[in-house]
Amino acid sequence: MSHSLGIVIESLVAVLLMVTIAYCMLLNKRLQRLKADEHSLKATIGELITATEIAERAIGGLKLTVRDVNENLGAKLTAATAMSEQLRKQLGECDNVVRRLSRITSAARPSTAAAEPEPASPPMPAPVSQAKALAAAAQAFSERKRSNGLAA
């Protein structure tokens, strides 16, 4: 029996060695796949690093562009504010000129009506707006001044 016990033990060791060899072959295939995946992963990481560097340069360019646009916009906004203020002042001056012209025309009407009788004009059918009346009075005043040689 000692002889058959030795054969059983030797057979068991042979089977375990075959299982170990099969497992080693399986591990070898997995390691080869892992190394292949490692190379493709390194290539992917390299591409990702390149893309990141390009994106960082683009972001830097965009920051410079935004800063330039912001400065230009600030300058234009300042200029527009100054222009708005200048226009507001000019409108105020225009209002003063219109008021003075209005006073001149209203002051000139009674004195010219007493000194020179004007030809009869047809009565106005409806009240005219103040702006139209003011424009008509200014036009009549300028025509009278031109005929007297006072206007250019």
C-alpha atoms as a PDB file:
ATOM      1  CA  MET A   1       0.000   0.000   0.000  1.00  0.00           C
ATOM      2  CA  SER A   2       2.795   2.283   0.485  1.00  0.00           C
ATOM      3  CA  HIS A   3       3.465   2.026  -3.180  1.00  0.00           C
ATOM      4  CA  SER A   4      -0.077   3.047  -4.200  1.00  0.00           C
ATOM      5  CA  LEU A   5      -0.051   5.850  -1.605  1.00  0.00           C
ATOM      6  CA  GLY A   6       3.073   7.289  -3.275  1.00  0.00           C
ATOM      7  CA  ILE A   7       1.435   7.131  -6.731  1.00  0.00           C
ATOM      8  CA  VAL A   8      -1.667   8.919  -5.426  1.00  0.00           C
ATOM      9  CA  ILE A   9       0.447  11.659  -3.857  1.00  0.00           C
ATOM     10  CA  GLU A  10       2.560  11.976  -7.017  1.00  0.00           C
ATOM     11  CA  SER A  11      -0.608  12.144  -9.150  1.00  0.00           C
ATOM     12  CA  LEU A  12      -2.077  14.776  -6.875  1.00  0.00           C
ATOM     13  CA  VAL A  13       1.115  16.854  -7.142  1.00  0.00           C
ATOM     14  CA  ALA A  14       1.062  16.465 -10.965  1.00  0.00           C
ATOM     15  CA  VAL A  15      -2.579  17.651 -11.114  1.00  0.00           C
ATOM     16  CA  LEU A  16      -1.799  20.627  -8.869  1.00  0.00           C
ATOM     17  CA  LEU A  17       1.186  21.513 -11.079  1.00  0.00           C
ATOM     18  CA  MET A  18      -1.027  21.405 -14.182  1.00  0.00           C
ATOM     19  CA  VAL A  19      -3.593  23.666 -12.513  1.00  0.00           C
ATOM     20  CA  THR A  20      -0.781  26.027 -11.515  1.00  0.00           C
ATOM     21  CA  ILE A  21       0.558  26.071 -15.111  1.00  0.00           C
ATOM     22  CA  ALA A  22      -2.942  26.780 -16.482  1.00  0.00           C
ATOM     23  CA  TYR A  23      -3.433  29.600 -13.954  1.00  0.00           C
ATOM     24  CA  CYS A  24      -0.021  31.067 -14.835  1.00  0.00           C
ATOM     25  CA  MET A  25      -0.972  31.043 -18.523  1.00  0.00           C
ATOM     26  CA  LEU A  26      -4.236  32.851 -17.704  1.00  0.00           C
ATOM     27  CA  LEU A  27      -2.351  35.444 -15.634  1.00  0.00           C
ATOM     28  CA  ASN A  28       0.160  35.909 -18.481  1.00  0.00           C
ATOM     29  CA  LYS A  29      -2.637  36.692 -20.955  1.00  0.00           C
ATOM     30  CA  ARG A  30      -4.182  39.158 -18.509  1.00  0.00           C
ATOM     31  CA  LEU A  31      -0.824  40.866 -17.969  1.00  0.00           C
ATOM     32  CA  GLN A  32      -0.321  41.171 -21.738  1.00  0.00           C
ATOM     33  CA  ARG A  33      -3.758  42.792 -22.096  1.00  0.00           C
ATOM     34  CA  LEU A  34      -2.971  45.090 -19.187  1.00  0.00           C
ATOM     35  CA  LYS A  35       0.311  46.180 -20.835  1.00  0.00           C
ATOM     36  CA  ALA A  36      -1.514  46.818 -24.124  1.00  0.00           C
ATOM     37  CA  ASP A  37      -4.114  48.871 -22.264  1.00  0.00           C
ATOM     38  CA  GLU A  38      -1.303  50.731 -20.506  1.00  0.00           C
ATOM     39  CA  HIS A  39       0.195  51.807 -23.858  1.00  0.00           C
ATOM     40  CA  SER A  40      -3.169  53.002 -25.188  1.00  0.00           C
ATOM     41  CA  LEU A  41      -3.825  54.768 -21.881  1.00  0.00           C
ATOM     42  CA  LYS A  42      -0.439  56.529 -22.115  1.00  0.00           C
ATOM     43  CA  ALA A  43      -1.319  57.688 -25.648  1.00  0.00           C
ATOM     44  CA  THR A  44      -4.709  58.937 -24.444  1.00  0.00           C
ATOM     45  CA  ILE A  45      -3.102  60.780 -21.538  1.00  0.00           C
ATOM     46  CA  GLY A  46      -0.582  62.389 -23.909  1.00  0.00           C
ATOM     47  CA  GLU A  47      -3.398  63.594 -26.174  1.00  0.00           C
ATOM     48  CA  LEU A  48      -5.297  64.872 -23.150  1.00  0.00           C
ATOM     49  CA  ILE A  49      -2.260  66.822 -21.937  1.00  0.00           C
ATOM     50  CA  THR A  50      -1.827  68.362 -25.404  1.00  0.00           C
ATOM     51  CA  ALA A  51      -5.505  69.320 -25.552  1.00  0.00           C
ATOM     52  CA  THR A  52      -5.276  70.832 -22.055  1.00  0.00           C
ATOM     53  CA  GLU A  53      -2.275  72.955 -23.036  1.00  0.00           C
ATOM     54  CA  ILE A  54      -4.080  74.207 -26.153  1.00  0.00           C
ATOM     55  CA  ALA A  55      -7.157  75.029 -24.064  1.00  0.00           C
ATOM     56  CA  GLU A  56      -5.038  76.912 -21.518  1.00  0.00           C
ATOM     57  CA  ARG A  57      -3.462  79.004 -24.290  1.00  0.00           C
ATOM     58  CA  ALA A  58      -6.899  79.708 -25.749  1.00  0.00           C
ATOM     59  CA  ILE A  59      -8.209  80.759 -22.327  1.00  0.00           C
ATOM     60  CA  GLY A  60      -5.225  83.088 -21.905  1.00  0.00           C
ATOM     61  CA  GLY A  61      -5.989  84.652 -25.293  1.00  0.00           C
ATOM     62  CA  LEU A  62      -9.639  85.024 -24.373  1.00  0.00           C
ATOM     63  CA  LYS A  63      -8.689  86.722 -21.105  1.00  0.00           C
ATOM     64  CA  LEU A  64      -6.552  89.233 -22.996  1.00  0.00           C
ATOM     65  CA  THR A  65      -9.369  89.838 -25.464  1.00  0.00           C
ATOM     66  CA  VAL A  66     -11.886  90.350 -22.665  1.00  0.00           C
ATOM     67  CA  ARG A  67      -9.550  92.797 -20.936  1.00  0.00           C
ATOM     68  CA  ASP A  68      -9.041  94.767 -24.176  1.00  0.00           C
ATOM     69  CA  VAL A  69     -12.778  94.801 -24.892  1.00  0.00           C
ATOM     70  CA  ASN A  70     -13.500  95.884 -21.335  1.00  0.00           C
ATOM     71  CA  GLU A  71     -11.017  98.758 -21.612  1.00  0.00           C
ATOM     72  CA  ASN A  72     -12.419  99.825 -24.987  1.00  0.00           C
ATOM     73  CA  LEU A  73     -15.968  99.552 -23.723  1.00  0.00           C
ATOM     74  CA  GLY A  74     -15.071 101.612 -20.653  1.00  0.00           C
ATOM     75  CA  ALA A  75     -13.496 104.285 -22.821  1.00  0.00           C
ATOM     76  CA  LYS A  76     -16.480 104.345 -25.162  1.00  0.00           C
ATOM     77  CA  LEU A  77     -18.867 104.452 -22.218  1.00  0.00           C
ATOM     78  CA  THR A  78     -16.967 107.409 -20.784  1.00  0.00           C
ATOM     79  CA  ALA A  79     -17.030 109.152 -24.167  1.00  0.00           C
ATOM     80  CA  ALA A  80     -20.747 108.438 -24.533  1.00  0.00           C
ATOM     81  CA  THR A  81     -21.415 109.849 -21.076  1.00  0.00           C
ATOM     82  CA  ALA A  82     -19.465 112.996 -21.940  1.00  0.00           C
ATOM     83  CA  MET A  83     -21.332 113.290 -25.259  1.00  0.00           C
ATOM     84  CA  SER A  84     -24.640 112.831 -23.470  1.00  0.00           C
ATOM     85  CA  GLU A  85     -23.743 115.575 -21.020  1.00  0.00           C
ATOM     86  CA  GLN A  86     -22.687 117.859 -23.887  1.00  0.00           C
ATOM     87  CA  LEU A  87     -25.954 117.166 -25.735  1.00  0.00           C
ATOM     88  CA  ARG A  88     -27.928 117.858 -22.572  1.00  0.00           C
ATOM     89  CA  LYS A  89     -26.184 121.216 -22.215  1.00  0.00           C
ATOM     90  CA  GLN A  90     -26.773 122.025 -25.876  1.00  0.00           C
ATOM     91  CA  LEU A  91     -30.452 121.141 -25.534  1.00  0.00           C
ATOM     92  CA  GLY A  92     -30.662 123.482 -22.564  1.00  0.00           C
ATOM     93  CA  GLU A  93     -29.074 126.231 -24.643  1.00  0.00           C
ATOM     94  CA  CYS A  94     -31.504 125.492 -27.491  1.00  0.00           C
ATOM     95  CA  ASP A  95     -34.404 125.840 -25.075  1.00  0.00           C
ATOM     96  CA  ASN A  96     -33.024 129.219 -23.991  1.00  0.00           C
ATOM     97  CA  VAL A  97     -32.683 130.357 -27.616  1.00  0.00           C
ATOM     98  CA  VAL A  98     -36.240 129.239 -28.397  1.00  0.00           C
ATOM     99  CA  ARG A  99     -37.525 131.102 -25.339  1.00  0.00           C
ATOM    100  CA  ARG A 100     -35.661 134.256 -26.355  1.00  0.00           C
ATOM    101  CA  LEU A 101     -36.968 133.973 -29.919  1.00  0.00           C
ATOM    102  CA  SER A 102     -40.446 133.505 -28.519  1.00  0.00           C
ATOM    103  CA  ARG A 103     -40.085 136.656 -26.410  1.00  0.00           C
ATOM    104  CA  ILE A 104     -38.667 138.585 -29.373  1.00  0.00           C
ATOM    105  CA  THR A 105     -41.505 137.543 -31.655  1.00  0.00           C
ATOM    106  CA  SER A 106     -44.163 138.300 -29.075  1.00  0.00           C
ATOM    107  CA  ALA A 107     -42.533 141.680 -28.367  1.00  0.00           C
ATOM    108  CA  ALA A 108     -42.206 142.430 -32.093  1.00  0.00           C
ATOM    109  CA  ARG A 109     -45.858 141.706 -32.903  1.00  0.00           C
ATOM    110  CA  PRO A 110     -47.492 144.600 -31.025  1.00  0.00           C
ATOM    111  CA  SER A 111     -44.915 147.183 -32.148  1.00  0.00           C
ATOM    112  CA  THR A 112     -45.101 146.182 -35.837  1.00  0.00           C
ATOM    113  CA  ALA A 113     -48.877 145.969 -35.756  1.00  0.00           C
ATOM    114  CA  ALA A 114     -49.121 149.579 -34.512  1.00  0.00           C
ATOM    115  CA  ALA A 115     -46.439 150.975 -36.836  1.00  0.00           C
ATOM    116  CA  GLU A 116     -47.246 149.140 -40.070  1.00  0.00           C
ATOM    117  CA  PRO A 117     -50.676 147.811 -40.804  1.00  0.00           C
ATOM    118  CA  GLU A 118     -50.332 144.407 -42.346  1.00  0.00           C
ATOM    119  CA  PRO A 119     -52.656 143.182 -45.049  1.00  0.00           C
ATOM    120  CA  ALA A 120     -55.674 141.404 -43.724  1.00  0.00           C
ATOM    121  CA  SER A 121     -55.091 137.722 -43.384  1.00  0.00           C
ATOM    122  CA  PRO A 122     -57.893 135.214 -43.387  1.00  0.00           C
ATOM    123  CA  PRO A 123     -58.987 134.192 -39.895  1.00  0.00           C
ATOM    124  CA  MET A 124     -57.582 130.913 -38.637  1.00  0.00           C
ATOM    125  CA  PRO A 125     -60.212 128.225 -38.613  1.00  0.00           C
ATOM    126  CA  ALA A 126     -58.866 126.276 -35.643  1.00  0.00           C
ATOM    127  CA  PRO A 127     -56.342 126.941 -32.871  1.00  0.00           C
ATOM    128  CA  VAL A 128     -52.773 126.118 -33.947  1.00  0.00           C
ATOM    129  CA  SER A 129     -50.454 124.259 -31.628  1.00  0.00           C
ATOM    130  CA  GLN A 130     -47.962 126.346 -29.714  1.00  0.00           C
ATOM    131  CA  ALA A 131     -44.994 124.841 -31.552  1.00  0.00           C
ATOM    132  CA  LYS A 132     -46.470 125.638 -34.967  1.00  0.00           C
ATOM    133  CA  ALA A 133     -47.392 129.150 -33.866  1.00  0.00           C
ATOM    134  CA  LEU A 134     -43.877 129.675 -32.537  1.00  0.00           C
ATOM    135  CA  ALA A 135     -42.343 128.397 -35.777  1.00  0.00           C
ATOM    136  CA  ALA A 136     -44.606 130.640 -37.857  1.00  0.00           C
ATOM    137  CA  ALA A 137     -43.773 133.642 -35.693  1.00  0.00           C
ATOM    138  CA  ALA A 138     -40.043 132.963 -35.965  1.00  0.00           C
ATOM    139  CA  GLN A 139     -40.330 132.648 -39.740  1.00  0.00           C
ATOM    140  CA  ALA A 140     -42.299 135.890 -40.011  1.00  0.00           C
ATOM    141  CA  PHE A 141     -39.782 137.648 -37.789  1.00  0.00           C
ATOM    142  CA  SER A 142     -36.851 136.460 -39.891  1.00  0.00           C
ATOM    143  CA  GLU A 143     -38.620 137.563 -43.098  1.00  0.00           C
ATOM    144  CA  ARG A 144     -39.211 141.043 -41.658  1.00  0.00           C
ATOM    145  CA  LYS A 145     -35.594 141.317 -40.580  1.00  0.00           C
ATOM    146  CA  ARG A 146     -34.396 140.212 -44.021  1.00  0.00           C
ATOM    147  CA  SER A 147     -36.560 142.798 -45.729  1.00  0.00           C
ATOM    148  CA  ASN A 148     -35.135 145.483 -43.436  1.00  0.00           C
ATOM    149  CA  GLY A 149     -31.607 144.281 -44.239  1.00  0.00           C
ATOM    150  CA  LEU A 150     -30.778 143.173 -40.716  1.00  0.00           C
ATOM    151  CA  ALA A 151     -30.602 139.441 -41.294  1.00  0.00           C
ATOM    152  CA  ALA A 152     -27.931 137.733 -43.355  1.00  0.00           C
END
